[in-house]
Amino acid sequence: QVQLVESGGGLVQAGGSLRLSCAASARTFSWYAMGWFRQAPGKERELVAAMSRSGGNLVYADSTKGRFTISRDNAKNTVYLQMVSLKPEDTAVYYCAADYMYYSNAVPSGSDYDYWGQGTQVTVSS
């Protein structure tokens, strides 16, 4: 069982920046692909960014490409989401997810992840 704990959310003005962190309890964190998702009120959960276990394969949503950066520090069992040039439409609960990928360096398809965090609220004011 892997526990994921997100932090770093909050209220920021449009154009501002935030960095989200997700700490994982996994003993073999480097075997997991990691992803960030978000869900706004009344909308479906959507992929924001994802990273393969090695970090070599990255996927970004079109809406976040160029503004958000996913990264990981395997020594700290942590994945990050750096967000800049935030917009009001980025307001959502952001979730971290982990998928066991020992035999593959691919990025998981869609939202097919094994473990999920509880989420952290990001609110961008106009």
N, C-alpha and C. Protein backbone atom coordinates (compact mmCIF):
# COMPACT_ATOMS: atom_id res chain seq x y z
N GLN A 1 0.84 -1.19 0.00
CA GLN A 1 0.00 0.00 0.00
C GLN A 1 0.87 1.24 0.00
N VAL A 2 0.54 2.19 -0.84
CA VAL A 2 1.30 3.44 -0.95
C VAL A 2 0.41 4.59 -0.54
N GLN A 3 0.89 5.40 0.34
CA GLN A 3 0.17 6.61 0.74
C GLN A 3 0.80 7.82 0.08
N LEU A 4 -0.06 8.69 -0.43
CA LEU A 4 0.39 9.91 -1.10
C LEU A 4 -0.21 11.11 -0.38
N VAL A 5 0.62 12.08 -0.05
CA VAL A 5 0.17 13.26 0.67
C VAL A 5 0.61 14.50 -0.10
N GLU A 6 -0.39 15.23 -0.59
CA GLU A 6 -0.12 16.46 -1.34
C GLU A 6 -0.01 17.65 -0.40
N SER A 7 0.75 18.64 -0.82
CA SER A 7 0.84 19.89 -0.08
C SER A 7 1.22 21.00 -1.05
N GLY A 8 1.06 22.24 -0.59
CA GLY A 8 1.48 23.37 -1.39
C GLY A 8 0.37 24.14 -2.06
N GLY A 9 -0.85 23.66 -1.93
CA GLY A 9 -1.97 24.38 -2.52
C GLY A 9 -2.27 25.67 -1.76
N GLY A 10 -3.15 26.48 -2.32
CA GLY A 10 -3.52 27.72 -1.66
C GLY A 10 -4.19 28.68 -2.61
N LEU A 11 -4.27 29.92 -2.17
CA LEU A 11 -4.91 30.99 -2.94
C LEU A 11 -3.81 31.86 -3.55
N VAL A 12 -3.93 32.11 -4.83
CA VAL A 12 -2.93 32.93 -5.53
C VAL A 12 -3.65 33.78 -6.57
N GLN A 13 -3.08 34.91 -6.86
CA GLN A 13 -3.66 35.78 -7.89
C GLN A 13 -3.27 35.28 -9.28
N ALA A 14 -4.09 35.62 -10.24
CA ALA A 14 -3.78 35.27 -11.62
C ALA A 14 -2.41 35.80 -12.00
N GLY A 15 -1.66 34.96 -12.70
CA GLY A 15 -0.30 35.31 -13.06
C GLY A 15 0.74 34.84 -12.06
N GLY A 16 0.28 34.40 -10.90
CA GLY A 16 1.19 33.95 -9.86
C GLY A 16 1.65 32.52 -10.05
N SER A 17 2.39 32.04 -9.06
CA SER A 17 2.98 30.70 -9.12
C SER A 17 2.73 29.94 -7.83
N LEU A 18 2.72 28.63 -7.97
CA LEU A 18 2.66 27.73 -6.82
C LEU A 18 3.47 26.49 -7.16
N ARG A 19 3.99 25.85 -6.14
CA ARG A 19 4.61 24.54 -6.32
C ARG A 19 3.94 23.53 -5.42
N LEU A 20 3.37 22.53 -6.03
CA LEU A 20 2.75 21.44 -5.28
C LEU A 20 3.78 20.34 -5.05
N SER A 21 3.66 19.70 -3.90
CA SER A 21 4.51 18.55 -3.59
C SER A 21 3.63 17.36 -3.25
N CYS A 22 4.15 16.19 -3.53
CA CYS A 22 3.44 14.96 -3.19
C CYS A 22 4.47 13.99 -2.61
N ALA A 23 4.34 13.70 -1.34
CA ALA A 23 5.24 12.77 -0.67
C ALA A 23 4.62 11.38 -0.67
N ALA A 24 5.43 10.40 -1.09
CA ALA A 24 4.95 9.03 -1.20
C ALA A 24 5.61 8.15 -0.15
N SER A 25 4.83 7.20 0.35
CA SER A 25 5.35 6.29 1.38
C SER A 25 6.01 5.05 0.79
N ALA A 26 6.01 4.93 -0.53
CA ALA A 26 6.52 3.73 -1.19
C ALA A 26 8.01 3.51 -0.90
N ARG A 27 8.36 2.25 -0.57
CA ARG A 27 9.77 1.91 -0.35
C ARG A 27 10.55 1.94 -1.65
N THR A 28 9.86 1.69 -2.76
CA THR A 28 10.52 1.66 -4.07
C THR A 28 9.88 2.71 -4.97
N PHE A 29 9.98 3.93 -4.53
CA PHE A 29 9.34 5.04 -5.23
C PHE A 29 9.76 5.11 -6.69
N SER A 30 10.98 4.76 -6.98
CA SER A 30 11.51 4.86 -8.35
C SER A 30 10.85 3.87 -9.30
N TRP A 31 10.06 2.92 -8.80
CA TRP A 31 9.36 1.98 -9.65
C TRP A 31 7.98 2.48 -10.06
N TYR A 32 7.62 3.66 -9.62
CA TYR A 32 6.28 4.17 -9.86
C TYR A 32 6.30 5.33 -10.85
N ALA A 33 5.42 5.26 -11.84
CA ALA A 33 5.11 6.43 -12.63
C ALA A 33 4.22 7.33 -11.78
N MET A 34 4.34 8.63 -11.98
CA MET A 34 3.60 9.58 -11.16
C MET A 34 2.81 10.54 -12.04
N GLY A 35 1.67 10.95 -11.52
CA GLY A 35 0.85 11.88 -12.27
C GLY A 35 0.19 12.91 -11.37
N TRP A 36 -0.14 14.03 -11.95
CA TRP A 36 -0.95 15.05 -11.29
C TRP A 36 -2.25 15.21 -12.09
N PHE A 37 -3.34 15.21 -11.36
CA PHE A 37 -4.66 15.40 -11.94
C PHE A 37 -5.34 16.55 -11.22
N ARG A 38 -6.41 17.05 -11.79
CA ARG A 38 -7.20 18.08 -11.11
C ARG A 38 -8.67 17.89 -11.43
N GLN A 39 -9.48 18.39 -10.51
CA GLN A 39 -10.93 18.35 -10.70
C GLN A 39 -11.54 19.64 -10.21
N ALA A 40 -12.16 20.34 -11.12
CA ALA A 40 -12.85 21.59 -10.79
C ALA A 40 -14.31 21.27 -10.49
N PRO A 41 -14.99 22.13 -9.74
CA PRO A 41 -16.41 21.88 -9.42
C PRO A 41 -17.24 21.68 -10.67
N GLY A 42 -18.00 20.61 -10.67
CA GLY A 42 -18.89 20.34 -11.79
C GLY A 42 -18.22 19.78 -13.02
N LYS A 43 -16.92 19.49 -12.92
CA LYS A 43 -16.18 18.97 -14.07
C LYS A 43 -15.56 17.62 -13.73
N GLU A 44 -15.20 16.89 -14.76
CA GLU A 44 -14.55 15.62 -14.56
C GLU A 44 -13.08 15.82 -14.21
N ARG A 45 -12.52 14.83 -13.55
CA ARG A 45 -11.11 14.87 -13.24
C ARG A 45 -10.31 14.78 -14.54
N GLU A 46 -9.26 15.56 -14.64
CA GLU A 46 -8.46 15.57 -15.85
C GLU A 46 -6.98 15.50 -15.53
N LEU A 47 -6.24 14.93 -16.47
CA LEU A 47 -4.80 14.85 -16.33
C LEU A 47 -4.19 16.23 -16.48
N VAL A 48 -3.25 16.55 -15.60
CA VAL A 48 -2.49 17.79 -15.70
C VAL A 48 -1.10 17.51 -16.27
N ALA A 49 -0.43 16.55 -15.66
CA ALA A 49 0.92 16.18 -16.10
C ALA A 49 1.24 14.81 -15.55
N ALA A 50 2.08 14.07 -16.26
CA ALA A 50 2.49 12.74 -15.81
C ALA A 50 3.92 12.47 -16.21
N MET A 51 4.54 11.57 -15.45
CA MET A 51 5.96 11.29 -15.64
C MET A 51 6.20 9.80 -15.47
N SER A 52 7.01 9.23 -16.33
CA SER A 52 7.37 7.83 -16.21
C SER A 52 8.27 7.60 -14.99
N ARG A 53 8.52 6.37 -14.65
CA ARG A 53 9.32 6.05 -13.47
C ARG A 53 10.72 6.62 -13.56
N SER A 54 11.26 6.68 -14.76
CA SER A 54 12.61 7.22 -14.92
C SER A 54 12.62 8.74 -15.03
N GLY A 55 11.45 9.31 -15.30
CA GLY A 55 11.38 10.74 -15.54
C GLY A 55 11.65 11.11 -16.98
N GLY A 56 11.96 10.12 -17.81
CA GLY A 56 12.32 10.40 -19.19
C GLY A 56 11.15 10.63 -20.11
N ASN A 57 10.00 10.15 -19.73
CA ASN A 57 8.79 10.34 -20.54
C ASN A 57 7.82 11.23 -19.78
N LEU A 58 7.41 12.30 -20.44
CA LEU A 58 6.53 13.29 -19.81
C LEU A 58 5.30 13.50 -20.69
N VAL A 59 4.19 13.74 -20.02
CA VAL A 59 2.95 14.06 -20.71
C VAL A 59 2.33 15.27 -20.01
N TYR A 60 1.87 16.22 -20.80
CA TYR A 60 1.19 17.39 -20.27
C TYR A 60 -0.14 17.59 -21.00
N ALA A 61 -1.10 18.09 -20.26
CA ALA A 61 -2.34 18.52 -20.90
C ALA A 61 -2.05 19.75 -21.75
N ASP A 62 -2.78 19.90 -22.83
CA ASP A 62 -2.57 21.07 -23.69
C ASP A 62 -2.74 22.37 -22.92
N SER A 63 -3.65 22.37 -21.96
CA SER A 63 -3.95 23.59 -21.21
C SER A 63 -2.85 23.97 -20.23
N THR A 64 -1.95 23.04 -19.93
CA THR A 64 -0.90 23.32 -18.96
C THR A 64 0.51 23.33 -19.57
N LYS A 65 0.60 22.90 -20.79
CA LYS A 65 1.91 22.82 -21.45
C LYS A 65 2.55 24.19 -21.52
N GLY A 66 3.80 24.26 -21.11
CA GLY A 66 4.52 25.53 -21.13
C GLY A 66 4.37 26.34 -19.85
N ARG A 67 3.40 25.98 -19.02
CA ARG A 67 3.19 26.70 -17.76
C ARG A 67 3.47 25.82 -16.54
N PHE A 68 3.21 24.54 -16.66
CA PHE A 68 3.39 23.61 -15.55
C PHE A 68 4.56 22.68 -15.85
N THR A 69 5.28 22.31 -14.79
CA THR A 69 6.41 21.38 -14.93
C THR A 69 6.33 20.32 -13.85
N ILE A 70 6.33 19.06 -14.25
CA ILE A 70 6.35 17.96 -13.30
C ILE A 70 7.79 17.50 -13.15
N SER A 71 8.15 17.16 -11.91
CA SER A 71 9.49 16.66 -11.65
C SER A 71 9.43 15.72 -10.45
N ARG A 72 10.50 14.97 -10.25
CA ARG A 72 10.52 14.05 -9.12
C ARG A 72 11.92 14.02 -8.50
N ASP A 73 11.93 13.72 -7.21
CA ASP A 73 13.17 13.53 -6.48
C ASP A 73 13.06 12.17 -5.81
N ASN A 74 13.66 11.17 -6.40
CA ASN A 74 13.51 9.80 -5.87
C ASN A 74 14.16 9.65 -4.50
N ALA A 75 15.17 10.45 -4.23
CA ALA A 75 15.81 10.36 -2.92
C ALA A 75 14.88 10.84 -1.80
N LYS A 76 13.95 11.71 -2.17
CA LYS A 76 13.00 12.24 -1.18
C LYS A 76 11.61 11.62 -1.34
N ASN A 77 11.46 10.67 -2.25
CA ASN A 77 10.14 10.04 -2.49
C ASN A 77 9.07 11.10 -2.76
N THR A 78 9.42 12.09 -3.56
CA THR A 78 8.52 13.21 -3.76
C THR A 78 8.43 13.58 -5.24
N VAL A 79 7.22 13.91 -5.66
CA VAL A 79 6.99 14.45 -6.99
C VAL A 79 6.44 15.87 -6.83
N TYR A 80 6.83 16.71 -7.76
CA TYR A 80 6.46 18.13 -7.68
C TYR A 80 5.68 18.55 -8.92
N LEU A 81 4.91 19.61 -8.75
CA LEU A 81 4.26 20.25 -9.88
C LEU A 81 4.49 21.75 -9.71
N GLN A 82 5.36 22.29 -10.52
CA GLN A 82 5.61 23.73 -10.52
C GLN A 82 4.63 24.38 -11.48
N MET A 83 3.88 25.34 -10.98
CA MET A 83 2.86 26.00 -11.79
C MET A 83 3.16 27.50 -11.84
N VAL A 84 3.27 28.03 -13.04
CA VAL A 84 3.51 29.46 -13.22
C VAL A 84 2.42 30.02 -14.14
N SER A 85 2.34 31.33 -14.17
CA SER A 85 1.34 32.01 -15.01
C SER A 85 -0.05 31.42 -14.78
N LEU A 86 -0.41 31.28 -13.53
CA LEU A 86 -1.68 30.65 -13.20
C LEU A 86 -2.86 31.49 -13.67
N LYS A 87 -3.92 30.80 -14.05
CA LYS A 87 -5.14 31.42 -14.54
C LYS A 87 -6.31 30.99 -13.66
N PRO A 88 -7.36 31.79 -13.63
CA PRO A 88 -8.55 31.40 -12.83
C PRO A 88 -9.07 30.02 -13.21
N GLU A 89 -8.95 29.64 -14.47
CA GLU A 89 -9.43 28.33 -14.89
C GLU A 89 -8.56 27.17 -14.39
N ASP A 90 -7.45 27.48 -13.75
CA ASP A 90 -6.63 26.44 -13.11
C ASP A 90 -7.16 26.08 -11.72
N THR A 91 -8.15 26.82 -11.25
CA THR A 91 -8.74 26.55 -9.94
C THR A 91 -9.35 25.15 -9.91
N ALA A 92 -8.92 24.36 -8.94
CA ALA A 92 -9.38 22.97 -8.84
C ALA A 92 -8.74 22.33 -7.62
N VAL A 93 -9.21 21.13 -7.30
CA VAL A 93 -8.49 20.28 -6.36
C VAL A 93 -7.48 19.47 -7.17
N TYR A 94 -6.24 19.51 -6.74
CA TYR A 94 -5.17 18.81 -7.45
C TYR A 94 -4.82 17.52 -6.70
N TYR A 95 -4.75 16.44 -7.46
CA TYR A 95 -4.47 15.13 -6.91
C TYR A 95 -3.18 14.57 -7.47
N CYS A 96 -2.46 13.91 -6.61
CA CYS A 96 -1.26 13.17 -6.99
C CYS A 96 -1.66 11.70 -7.15
N ALA A 97 -1.04 11.01 -8.10
CA ALA A 97 -1.34 9.60 -8.30
C ALA A 97 -0.06 8.83 -8.63
N ALA A 98 -0.05 7.56 -8.24
CA ALA A 98 1.12 6.70 -8.48
C ALA A 98 0.68 5.39 -9.13
N ASP A 99 1.47 4.93 -10.06
CA ASP A 99 1.16 3.67 -10.76
C ASP A 99 2.42 2.81 -10.80
N TYR A 100 2.29 1.58 -10.32
CA TYR A 100 3.42 0.65 -10.26
C TYR A 100 3.81 0.26 -11.68
N MET A 101 5.06 0.58 -12.06
CA MET A 101 5.49 0.37 -13.45
C MET A 101 6.89 -0.23 -13.48
N TYR A 102 7.11 -1.26 -12.67
CA TYR A 102 8.46 -1.85 -12.59
C TYR A 102 8.95 -2.34 -13.94
N TYR A 103 8.01 -2.88 -14.77
CA TYR A 103 8.42 -3.51 -16.02
C TYR A 103 8.32 -2.57 -17.22
N SER A 104 8.00 -1.32 -16.97
CA SER A 104 7.82 -0.42 -18.10
C SER A 104 8.21 0.99 -17.72
N ASN A 105 8.69 1.72 -18.70
CA ASN A 105 9.01 3.13 -18.50
C ASN A 105 8.00 4.01 -19.22
N ALA A 106 6.82 3.47 -19.42
CA ALA A 106 5.78 4.24 -20.09
C ALA A 106 5.05 5.14 -19.09
N VAL A 107 4.33 6.08 -19.63
CA VAL A 107 3.41 6.90 -18.82
C VAL A 107 2.06 6.20 -18.85
N PRO A 108 1.44 5.99 -17.71
CA PRO A 108 0.15 5.28 -17.70
C PRO A 108 -0.88 5.96 -18.58
N SER A 109 -1.80 5.15 -19.06
CA SER A 109 -2.86 5.67 -19.91
C SER A 109 -3.96 6.29 -19.07
N GLY A 110 -4.38 7.46 -19.44
CA GLY A 110 -5.50 8.12 -18.79
C GLY A 110 -5.32 8.25 -17.29
N SER A 111 -6.32 7.82 -16.54
CA SER A 111 -6.28 7.91 -15.08
C SER A 111 -6.12 6.53 -14.45
N ASP A 112 -5.50 5.61 -15.16
CA ASP A 112 -5.33 4.24 -14.69
C ASP A 112 -4.13 4.14 -13.75
N TYR A 113 -4.28 4.68 -12.56
CA TYR A 113 -3.24 4.68 -11.55
C TYR A 113 -3.67 3.85 -10.35
N ASP A 114 -2.69 3.29 -9.66
CA ASP A 114 -2.99 2.39 -8.54
C ASP A 114 -3.35 3.13 -7.26
N TYR A 115 -2.71 4.27 -7.02
CA TYR A 115 -2.88 4.97 -5.75
C TYR A 115 -3.12 6.46 -5.99
N TRP A 116 -3.92 7.02 -5.07
CA TRP A 116 -4.29 8.43 -5.18
C TRP A 116 -4.15 9.13 -3.84
N GLY A 117 -3.77 10.40 -3.89
CA GLY A 117 -3.76 11.21 -2.69
C GLY A 117 -5.12 11.81 -2.42
N GLN A 118 -5.21 12.57 -1.34
CA GLN A 118 -6.48 13.17 -0.92
C GLN A 118 -6.76 14.49 -1.62
N GLY A 119 -5.75 15.07 -2.21
CA GLY A 119 -5.94 16.31 -2.96
C GLY A 119 -5.58 17.55 -2.17
N THR A 120 -5.23 18.59 -2.90
CA THR A 120 -4.95 19.90 -2.31
C THR A 120 -5.61 20.97 -3.18
N GLN A 121 -6.25 21.93 -2.53
CA GLN A 121 -7.03 22.94 -3.24
C GLN A 121 -6.10 24.03 -3.78
N VAL A 122 -6.29 24.36 -5.05
CA VAL A 122 -5.61 25.50 -5.67
C VAL A 122 -6.70 26.45 -6.16
N THR A 123 -6.64 27.69 -5.69
CA THR A 123 -7.60 28.70 -6.09
C THR A 123 -6.87 29.88 -6.68
N VAL A 124 -7.22 30.25 -7.91
CA VAL A 124 -6.58 31.35 -8.60
C VAL A 124 -7.61 32.46 -8.76
N SER A 125 -7.35 33.59 -8.16
CA SER A 125 -8.29 34.71 -8.23
C SER A 125 -7.93 35.62 -9.41
N SER A 126 -8.98 36.23 -9.96
CA SER A 126 -8.76 37.10 -11.13
C SER A 126 -8.51 38.54 -10.72
